[in-house]
Amino acid sequence: MSIERAIHMAGEVEWDAVWSWCRQTTRGVARVIVGLLGELSDERAYARHLAAHGRRHSGEEWRRFSEARLGAKYLRPKCC
């Protein structure tokens, strides 16, 4: 329900509709933030790595992933 529909013609506010809209908006923002944090922390990249290689999560697999990722990032020569 849109926020515009939450206000009656008489000027009274349907508070249930307003709170429902606020909850939906907050959940949407929270999903975006959690997704962004997952990307920044390499969680999502690790999940893609596991899926691509058909492996399960383990400490050894995380070390292998981290070493490969950091090695590719820091061992690559930088130009200018």
Protein backbone atom coordinates (compact mmCIF):
# COMPACT_ATOMS: atom_id res chain seq x y z
CA MET A 1 0.00 0.00 0.00
CA SER A 2 1.32 3.44 -0.87
CA ILE A 3 1.67 6.22 1.67
CA GLU A 4 -0.84 8.28 -0.30
CA ARG A 5 -3.51 5.63 0.26
CA ALA A 6 -2.76 5.74 3.98
CA ILE A 7 -4.37 9.18 4.26
CA HIS A 8 -8.17 9.34 4.10
CA MET A 9 -10.05 11.98 2.18
CA ALA A 10 -11.22 13.36 5.52
CA GLY A 11 -7.64 13.95 6.57
CA GLU A 12 -7.50 11.09 9.07
CA VAL A 13 -4.46 8.86 8.93
CA GLU A 14 -4.67 5.06 8.78
CA TRP A 15 -1.81 4.41 11.15
CA ASP A 16 -1.73 0.69 10.41
CA ALA A 17 -1.09 1.47 6.76
CA VAL A 18 1.59 4.03 7.62
CA TRP A 19 3.39 1.57 9.90
CA SER A 20 3.11 -1.15 7.28
CA TRP A 21 4.70 1.12 4.68
CA CYS A 22 7.47 2.07 7.14
CA ARG A 23 8.20 -1.59 7.92
CA GLN A 24 8.39 -2.50 4.23
CA THR A 25 10.68 0.42 3.47
CA THR A 26 12.93 -0.36 6.43
CA ARG A 27 13.19 -4.02 5.40
CA GLY A 28 14.14 -3.00 1.86
CA VAL A 29 16.85 -0.66 3.10
CA ALA A 30 18.12 -3.33 5.51
CA ARG A 31 18.37 -5.87 2.65
CA VAL A 32 20.45 -3.44 0.60
CA ILE A 33 22.78 -2.73 3.54
CA VAL A 34 23.24 -6.43 4.37
CA GLY A 35 23.96 -7.18 0.70
CA LEU A 36 26.50 -4.37 0.52
CA LEU A 37 28.23 -5.54 3.69
CA GLY A 38 28.32 -9.08 2.32
CA GLU A 39 30.08 -7.85 -0.80
CA LEU A 40 32.54 -5.71 1.14
CA SER A 41 33.46 -8.54 3.49
CA ASP A 42 34.02 -11.09 0.67
CA GLU A 43 31.16 -13.24 1.99
CA ARG A 44 29.29 -13.14 -1.29
CA ALA A 45 32.44 -13.76 -3.32
CA TYR A 46 33.20 -16.77 -1.11
CA ALA A 47 29.67 -18.12 -1.62
CA ARG A 48 30.09 -17.73 -5.39
CA HIS A 49 33.50 -19.48 -5.16
CA LEU A 50 31.96 -22.43 -3.28
CA ALA A 51 29.13 -22.73 -5.81
CA ALA A 52 31.44 -22.45 -8.82
CA HIS A 53 33.81 -25.12 -7.53
CA GLY A 54 31.16 -27.38 -5.99
CA ARG A 55 32.76 -27.26 -2.56
CA ARG A 56 31.42 -26.97 0.97
CA HIS A 57 32.38 -24.37 3.55
CA SER A 58 35.34 -25.29 5.75
CA GLY A 59 38.22 -23.52 7.40
CA GLU A 60 40.64 -24.97 4.87
CA GLU A 61 38.49 -23.89 1.95
CA TRP A 62 38.21 -20.34 3.38
CA ARG A 63 42.03 -20.19 3.70
CA ARG A 64 42.43 -21.41 0.12
CA PHE A 65 39.92 -18.81 -1.12
CA SER A 66 41.46 -15.99 0.93
CA GLU A 67 45.01 -16.75 -0.14
CA ALA A 68 44.03 -16.89 -3.80
CA ARG A 69 42.00 -13.69 -3.58
CA LEU A 70 44.60 -11.71 -1.65
CA GLY A 71 47.40 -13.13 -3.76
CA ALA A 72 45.66 -12.01 -6.93
CA LYS A 73 45.02 -8.61 -5.43
CA TYR A 74 48.45 -7.82 -3.98
CA LEU A 75 50.84 -9.77 -6.20
CA ARG A 76 49.56 -8.23 -9.40
CA PRO A 77 51.93 -5.48 -10.57
CA LYS A 78 50.37 -2.06 -10.53
CA CYS A 79 50.89 0.24 -13.39
CA CYS A 80 51.41 3.98 -13.02
